[in-house]
Amino acid sequence: MTYDELKINMKVEIKEKPDEERAACRRMKYIVVAKYPSMCILEDKKGRRRGVSIGELIMNKVITQSPYFEMIRQEKCSRWRKKSSKQDER
């Protein structure tokens, strides 16, 4: 699903880092309230709102990039893996 396909009132899960360094990350459930060109507004079940960038949605695997950029990313990853395996053989 890309950002264009993300709908208002859709439920998403985002990882949140706690204040303490040693505590584990937890997944919070949100509802998409509004969409803007570079970010969207999410609301939790208590009514608290939070702005989230497109990059954060991609990192949490809520959305993916457009198919063109995903293709470029996969090509770069495959080239990097080939180079790293050649260096390991030396």
Protein backbone atom coordinates (compact mmCIF):
# COMPACT_ATOMS: atom_id res chain seq x y z
CA MET A 1 0.00 0.00 0.00
CA THR A 2 1.38 3.42 -0.93
CA TYR A 3 0.68 6.75 0.76
CA ASP A 4 -1.94 7.56 -1.90
CA GLU A 5 -3.82 4.37 -1.00
CA LEU A 6 -3.81 5.19 2.73
CA LYS A 7 -7.37 6.19 3.65
CA ILE A 8 -8.76 8.37 6.42
CA ASN A 9 -10.23 6.28 9.29
CA MET A 10 -7.82 3.42 8.49
CA LYS A 11 -6.22 1.70 11.49
CA VAL A 12 -2.40 1.51 11.62
CA GLU A 13 0.21 0.32 14.12
CA ILE A 14 3.32 2.38 14.89
CA LYS A 15 6.30 1.44 17.07
CA GLU A 16 6.95 3.87 19.91
CA LYS A 17 10.16 4.17 21.85
CA PRO A 18 9.66 4.54 25.60
CA ASP A 19 11.41 7.24 27.62
CA GLU A 20 13.71 4.74 29.28
CA GLU A 21 16.57 3.33 27.20
CA ARG A 22 16.27 -0.25 28.42
CA ALA A 23 12.53 -0.63 28.00
CA ALA A 24 11.24 -2.50 24.96
CA CYS A 25 9.51 -0.73 22.07
CA ARG A 26 5.77 -1.16 21.98
CA ARG A 27 3.33 -1.06 19.10
CA MET A 28 0.51 1.45 19.45
CA LYS A 29 -2.70 1.37 17.41
CA TYR A 30 -3.81 4.61 15.75
CA ILE A 31 -6.49 5.83 13.33
CA VAL A 32 -5.61 8.11 10.41
CA VAL A 33 -7.46 11.40 10.97
CA ALA A 34 -5.99 13.68 8.27
CA LYS A 35 -3.55 13.46 5.35
CA TYR A 36 -1.19 16.15 4.09
CA PRO A 37 1.41 16.05 1.29
CA SER A 38 4.35 15.12 3.54
CA MET A 39 2.70 13.84 6.74
CA CYS A 40 -0.50 12.56 8.29
CA ILE A 41 -2.23 13.01 11.64
CA LEU A 42 -2.95 9.92 13.75
CA GLU A 43 -5.22 9.62 16.77
CA ASP A 44 -5.13 6.94 19.45
CA LYS A 45 -8.08 5.49 21.35
CA LYS A 46 -7.78 8.14 24.10
CA GLY A 47 -8.09 10.97 21.59
CA ARG A 48 -4.45 12.10 21.59
CA ARG A 49 -3.25 13.24 18.18
CA ARG A 50 0.19 12.83 16.70
CA GLY A 51 1.80 13.96 13.44
CA VAL A 52 3.71 11.27 11.55
CA SER A 53 5.94 11.76 8.51
CA ILE A 54 5.83 9.53 5.46
CA GLY A 55 9.32 8.27 6.31
CA GLU A 56 8.16 7.04 9.70
CA LEU A 57 5.23 5.22 8.07
CA ILE A 58 7.66 3.54 5.65
CA MET A 59 10.03 2.54 8.46
CA ASN A 60 7.14 0.98 10.40
CA LYS A 61 6.07 -0.90 7.24
CA VAL A 62 2.63 0.71 7.21
CA ILE A 63 3.12 1.91 3.63
CA THR A 64 5.64 1.33 0.85
CA GLN A 65 7.16 3.73 -1.61
CA SER A 66 5.84 4.01 -5.13
CA PRO A 67 6.63 0.90 -7.23
CA TYR A 68 9.28 2.79 -9.20
CA PHE A 69 11.28 3.69 -6.08
CA GLU A 70 10.83 0.19 -4.62
CA MET A 71 12.32 -1.26 -7.82
CA ILE A 72 15.35 1.06 -7.55
CA ARG A 73 15.81 0.17 -3.87
CA GLN A 74 15.73 -3.57 -4.62
CA GLU A 75 18.28 -3.17 -7.42
CA LYS A 76 20.66 -1.26 -5.14
CA CYS A 77 20.26 -3.83 -2.36
CA SER A 78 20.97 -6.71 -4.72
CA ARG A 79 24.12 -4.97 -6.05
CA TRP A 80 25.30 -4.27 -2.51
CA ARG A 81 24.82 -7.90 -1.51
CA LYS A 82 26.81 -9.07 -4.55
CA LYS A 83 29.69 -6.71 -3.71
CA SER A 84 29.77 -7.74 -0.05
CA SER A 85 29.83 -11.45 -0.92
CA LYS A 86 32.80 -10.88 -3.28
CA GLN A 87 34.69 -9.09 -0.51
CA ASP A 88 34.02 -11.99 1.88
CA GLU A 89 35.59 -14.46 -0.57
CA ARG A 90 38.95 -12.62 -0.61
